[in-house]
């Protein structure tokens, strides 16, 4: 099994634990933004939000 396919089958909790164990201060802003985006996506119901057409 290739590394890419192996990582795609790992539980998300294990991946998050690995990231927490190896991350550094440079990663914090990106990881925080990614976690916030993931929480927003998981909380969303009804699919994608409508496109803003007020431009």
PDB file of N, CA and C in Angstrom:
ATOM      1  N   UNK A   1       0.852  -1.178   0.000  1.00  0.00           N
ATOM      2  CA  UNK A   1       0.000   0.000   0.000  1.00  0.00           C
ATOM      3  C   UNK A   1       0.896   1.239   0.000  1.00  0.00           C
ATOM      4  N   UNK A   2       0.584   2.185  -0.847  1.00  0.00           N
ATOM      5  CA  UNK A   2       1.404   3.393  -0.932  1.00  0.00           C
ATOM      6  C   UNK A   2       1.135   4.301   0.265  1.00  0.00           C
ATOM      7  N   UNK A   3       2.079   5.175   0.615  1.00  0.00           N
ATOM      8  CA  UNK A   3       1.878   6.073   1.752  1.00  0.00           C
ATOM      9  C   UNK A   3       0.635   6.940   1.605  1.00  0.00           C
ATOM     10  N   UNK A   4       0.322   7.389   0.404  1.00  0.00           N
ATOM     11  CA  UNK A   4      -0.850   8.242   0.208  1.00  0.00           C
ATOM     12  C   UNK A   4      -2.135   7.484   0.524  1.00  0.00           C
ATOM     13  N   UNK A   5      -2.241   6.250   0.040  1.00  0.00           N
ATOM     14  CA  UNK A   5      -3.461   5.495   0.300  1.00  0.00           C
ATOM     15  C   UNK A   5      -3.521   5.028   1.748  1.00  0.00           C
ATOM     16  N   UNK A   6      -2.371   4.794   2.360  1.00  0.00           N
ATOM     17  CA  UNK A   6      -2.361   4.393   3.759  1.00  0.00           C
ATOM     18  C   UNK A   6      -2.867   5.526   4.641  1.00  0.00           C
ATOM     19  N   UNK A   7      -2.453   6.763   4.339  1.00  0.00           N
ATOM     20  CA  UNK A   7      -2.877   7.879   5.178  1.00  0.00           C
ATOM     21  C   UNK A   7      -4.348   8.191   4.982  1.00  0.00           C
ATOM     22  N   UNK A   8      -4.915   7.879   3.822  1.00  0.00           N
ATOM     23  CA  UNK A   8      -6.316   8.187   3.588  1.00  0.00           C
ATOM     24  C   UNK A   8      -7.246   7.246   4.343  1.00  0.00           C
ATOM     25  N   UNK A   9      -6.721   6.119   4.819  1.00  0.00           N
ATOM     26  CA  UNK A   9      -7.559   5.176   5.551  1.00  0.00           C
ATOM     27  C   UNK A   9      -7.382   5.296   7.058  1.00  0.00           C
ATOM     28  N   UNK A  10      -6.463   6.146   7.495  1.00  0.00           N
ATOM     29  CA  UNK A  10      -6.245   6.316   8.930  1.00  0.00           C
ATOM     30  C   UNK A  10      -7.364   7.143   9.532  1.00  0.00           C
ATOM     31  N   UNK A  11      -7.795   6.804  10.731  1.00  0.00           N
ATOM     32  CA  UNK A  11      -8.812   7.618  11.382  1.00  0.00           C
ATOM     33  C   UNK A  11      -8.322   9.054  11.590  1.00  0.00           C
ATOM     34  N   UNK A  12      -9.226   9.991  11.458  1.00  0.00           N
ATOM     35  CA  UNK A  12      -8.892  11.401  11.569  1.00  0.00           C
ATOM     36  C   UNK A  12      -8.261  11.722  12.922  1.00  0.00           C
ATOM     37  N   UNK A  13      -8.696  11.063  13.975  1.00  0.00           N
ATOM     38  CA  UNK A  13      -8.120  11.308  15.306  1.00  0.00           C
ATOM     39  C   UNK A  13      -6.630  10.968  15.343  1.00  0.00           C
ATOM     40  N   UNK A  14      -6.233   9.900  14.675  1.00  0.00           N
ATOM     41  CA  UNK A  14      -4.815   9.530  14.636  1.00  0.00           C
ATOM     42  C   UNK A  14      -4.007  10.557  13.862  1.00  0.00           C
ATOM     43  N   UNK A  15      -4.552  11.029  12.766  1.00  0.00           N
ATOM     44  CA  UNK A  15      -3.857  12.034  11.965  1.00  0.00           C
ATOM     45  C   UNK A  15      -3.700  13.321  12.759  1.00  0.00           C
ATOM     46  N   UNK A  16      -4.778  13.748  13.428  1.00  0.00           N
ATOM     47  CA  UNK A  16      -4.701  14.953  14.258  1.00  0.00           C
ATOM     48  C   UNK A  16      -3.687  14.800  15.386  1.00  0.00           C
ATOM     49  N   UNK A  17      -3.609  13.632  15.988  1.00  0.00           N
ATOM     50  CA  UNK A  17      -2.632  13.392  17.055  1.00  0.00           C
ATOM     51  C   UNK A  17      -1.208  13.505  16.523  1.00  0.00           C
ATOM     52  N   UNK A  18      -0.957  12.970  15.327  1.00  0.00           N
ATOM     53  CA  UNK A  18       0.368  13.083  14.714  1.00  0.00           C
ATOM     54  C   UNK A  18       0.727  14.543  14.444  1.00  0.00           C
ATOM     55  N   UNK A  19      -0.244  15.294  13.937  1.00  0.00           N
ATOM     56  CA  UNK A  19       0.006  16.710  13.653  1.00  0.00           C
ATOM     57  C   UNK A  19       0.333  17.463  14.934  1.00  0.00           C
ATOM     58  N   UNK A  20      -0.449  17.225  15.987  1.00  0.00           N
ATOM     59  CA  UNK A  20      -0.195  17.909  17.269  1.00  0.00           C
ATOM     60  C   UNK A  20       1.184  17.560  17.821  1.00  0.00           C
ATOM     61  N   UNK A  21       1.614  16.327  17.620  1.00  0.00           N
ATOM     62  CA  UNK A  21       2.898  15.882  18.158  1.00  0.00           C
ATOM     63  C   UNK A  21       4.090  16.484  17.417  1.00  0.00           C
ATOM     64  N   UNK A  22       3.907  16.814  16.146  1.00  0.00           N
ATOM     65  CA  UNK A  22       5.051  17.259  15.340  1.00  0.00           C
ATOM     66  C   UNK A  22       4.982  18.708  14.886  1.00  0.00           C
ATOM     67  N   UNK A  23       3.900  19.403  15.178  1.00  0.00           N
ATOM     68  CA  UNK A  23       3.768  20.776  14.665  1.00  0.00           C
ATOM     69  C   UNK A  23       4.662  21.753  15.423  1.00  0.00           C
ATOM     70  N   UNK A  24       4.874  22.885  14.798  1.00  0.00           N
ATOM     71  CA  UNK A  24       5.665  23.925  15.434  1.00  0.00           C
ATOM     72  C   UNK A  24       4.889  25.237  15.378  1.00  0.00           C
ATOM     73  N   UNK A  25       5.437  26.306  15.891  1.00  0.00           N
ATOM     74  CA  UNK A  25       4.758  27.594  15.952  1.00  0.00           C
ATOM     75  C   UNK A  25       4.364  28.146  14.594  1.00  0.00           C
ATOM     76  N   UNK A  26       5.141  27.811  13.566  1.00  0.00           N
ATOM     77  CA  UNK A  26       4.830  28.263  12.210  1.00  0.00           C
ATOM     78  C   UNK A  26       3.525  27.685  11.702  1.00  0.00           C
ATOM     79  N   UNK A  27       3.176  26.494  12.157  1.00  0.00           N
ATOM     80  CA  UNK A  27       1.990  25.793  11.668  1.00  0.00           C
ATOM     81  C   UNK A  27       0.697  26.267  12.329  1.00  0.00           C
ATOM     82  N   UNK A  28       0.797  26.878  13.486  1.00  0.00           N
ATOM     83  CA  UNK A  28      -0.389  27.205  14.271  1.00  0.00           C
ATOM     84  C   UNK A  28      -1.456  27.999  13.514  1.00  0.00           C
ATOM     85  N   UNK A  29      -1.130  29.111  12.857  1.00  0.00           N
ATOM     86  CA  UNK A  29      -2.189  29.864  12.168  1.00  0.00           C
ATOM     87  C   UNK A  29      -2.900  29.052  11.079  1.00  0.00           C
ATOM     88  N   UNK A  30      -2.127  28.296  10.309  1.00  0.00           N
ATOM     89  CA  UNK A  30      -2.730  27.482   9.250  1.00  0.00           C
ATOM     90  C   UNK A  30      -3.591  26.372   9.820  1.00  0.00           C
ATOM     91  N   UNK A  31      -3.103  25.715  10.872  1.00  0.00           N
ATOM     92  CA  UNK A  31      -3.870  24.628  11.470  1.00  0.00           C
ATOM     93  C   UNK A  31      -5.147  25.148  12.119  1.00  0.00           C
ATOM     94  N   UNK A  32      -5.066  26.293  12.772  1.00  0.00           N
ATOM     95  CA  UNK A  32      -6.252  26.879  13.388  1.00  0.00           C
ATOM     96  C   UNK A  32      -7.298  27.224  12.334  1.00  0.00           C
ATOM     97  N   UNK A  33      -6.849  27.818  11.240  1.00  0.00           N
ATOM     98  CA  UNK A  33      -7.768  28.164  10.158  1.00  0.00           C
ATOM     99  C   UNK A  33      -8.391  26.909   9.547  1.00  0.00           C
ATOM    100  N   UNK A  34      -7.596  25.873   9.377  1.00  0.00           N
ATOM    101  CA  UNK A  34      -8.106  24.624   8.796  1.00  0.00           C
ATOM    102  C   UNK A  34      -9.114  23.958   9.730  1.00  0.00           C
ATOM    103  N   UNK A  35      -8.838  23.963  11.026  1.00  0.00           N
ATOM    104  CA  UNK A  35      -9.772  23.374  11.981  1.00  0.00           C
ATOM    105  C   UNK A  35     -11.084  24.154  12.017  1.00  0.00           C
ATOM    106  N   UNK A  36     -11.004  25.485  11.926  1.00  0.00           N
ATOM    107  CA  UNK A  36     -12.210  26.311  11.905  1.00  0.00           C
ATOM    108  C   UNK A  36     -13.025  26.039  10.640  1.00  0.00           C
ATOM    109  N   UNK A  37     -12.345  25.929   9.508  1.00  0.00           N
ATOM    110  CA  UNK A  37     -13.042  25.645   8.251  1.00  0.00           C
ATOM    111  C   UNK A  37     -13.709  24.278   8.304  1.00  0.00           C
ATOM    112  N   UNK A  38     -13.025  23.287   8.857  1.00  0.00           N
ATOM    113  CA  UNK A  38     -13.591  21.949   8.965  1.00  0.00           C
ATOM    114  C   UNK A  38     -14.829  21.956   9.861  1.00  0.00           C
ATOM    115  N   UNK A  39     -14.764  22.666  10.981  1.00  0.00           N
ATOM    116  CA  UNK A  39     -15.919  22.752  11.878  1.00  0.00           C
ATOM    117  C   UNK A  39     -17.099  23.424  11.177  1.00  0.00           C
ATOM    118  N   UNK A  40     -16.818  24.468  10.396  1.00  0.00           N
ATOM    119  CA  UNK A  40     -17.870  25.160   9.650  1.00  0.00           C
ATOM    120  C   UNK A  40     -18.507  24.233   8.630  1.00  0.00           C
ATOM    121  N   UNK A  41     -17.674  23.485   7.917  1.00  0.00           N
ATOM    122  CA  UNK A  41     -18.198  22.561   6.907  1.00  0.00           C
ATOM    123  C   UNK A  41     -19.036  21.467   7.537  1.00  0.00           C
ATOM    124  N   UNK A  42     -18.591  20.961   8.672  1.00  0.00           N
ATOM    125  CA  UNK A  42     -19.342  19.890   9.332  1.00  0.00           C
ATOM    126  C   UNK A  42     -20.675  20.397   9.890  1.00  0.00           C
ATOM    127  N   UNK A  43     -20.705  21.665  10.280  1.00  0.00           N
ATOM    128  CA  UNK A  43     -21.925  22.229  10.845  1.00  0.00           C
ATOM    129  C   UNK A  43     -22.945  22.607   9.770  1.00  0.00           C
ATOM    130  N   UNK A  44     -22.497  22.741   8.541  1.00  0.00           N
ATOM    131  CA  UNK A  44     -23.358  23.169   7.449  1.00  0.00           C
ATOM    132  C   UNK A  44     -24.360  22.082   7.099  1.00  0.00           C
ATOM    133  N   UNK A  45     -25.598  22.493   6.921  1.00  0.00           N
ATOM    134  CA  UNK A  45     -26.637  21.559   6.492  1.00  0.00           C
ATOM    135  C   UNK A  45     -27.159  22.017   5.150  1.00  0.00           C
ATOM    136  N   UNK A  46     -27.537  21.104   4.331  1.00  0.00           N
ATOM    137  CA  UNK A  46     -28.149  21.456   3.057  1.00  0.00           C
ATOM    138  C   UNK A  46     -27.164  21.712   1.940  1.00  0.00           C
ATOM    139  N   UNK A  47     -25.937  21.251   2.078  1.00  0.00           N
ATOM    140  CA  UNK A  47     -24.970  21.383   0.995  1.00  0.00           C
ATOM    141  C   UNK A  47     -24.220  22.701   1.013  1.00  0.00           C
ATOM    142  N   UNK A  48     -23.773  23.095  -0.147  1.00  0.00           N
ATOM    143  CA  UNK A  48     -22.939  24.301  -0.289  1.00  0.00           C
ATOM    144  C   UNK A  48     -23.771  25.553  -0.064  1.00  0.00           C
ATOM    145  N   UNK A  49     -23.157  26.593   0.470  1.00  0.00           N
ATOM    146  CA  UNK A  49     -23.884  27.854   0.617  1.00  0.00           C
ATOM    147  C   UNK A  49     -24.130  28.475  -0.750  1.00  0.00           C
ATOM    148  N   UNK A  50     -25.158  29.276  -0.838  1.00  0.00           N
ATOM    149  CA  UNK A  50     -25.460  29.946  -2.108  1.00  0.00           C
ATOM    150  C   UNK A  50     -24.365  30.940  -2.447  1.00  0.00           C
ATOM    151  N   UNK A  51     -24.157  31.132  -3.744  1.00  0.00           N
ATOM    152  CA  UNK A  51     -23.170  32.105  -4.191  1.00  0.00           C
ATOM    153  C   UNK A  51     -23.711  33.492  -3.913  1.00  0.00           C
ATOM    154  N   UNK A  52     -22.831  34.379  -3.498  1.00  0.00           N
ATOM    155  CA  UNK A  52     -23.214  35.760  -3.249  1.00  0.00           C
ATOM    156  C   UNK A  52     -23.330  36.469  -4.594  1.00  0.00           C
ATOM    157  N   UNK A  53     -24.533  36.928  -4.934  1.00  0.00           N
ATOM    158  CA  UNK A  53     -24.760  37.572  -6.224  1.00  0.00           C
ATOM    159  C   UNK A  53     -24.944  39.076  -6.095  1.00  0.00           C
ATOM    160  N   UNK A  54     -24.500  39.640  -4.970  1.00  0.00           N
ATOM    161  CA  UNK A  54     -24.691  41.074  -4.723  1.00  0.00           C
ATOM    162  C   UNK A  54     -23.520  41.909  -5.202  1.00  0.00           C
ATOM    163  N   UNK A  55     -22.624  41.341  -5.972  1.00  0.00           N
ATOM    164  CA  UNK A  55     -21.452  42.097  -6.430  1.00  0.00           C
ATOM    165  C   UNK A  55     -21.768  43.057  -7.534  1.00  0.00           C
TER     166      UNK A  55
END
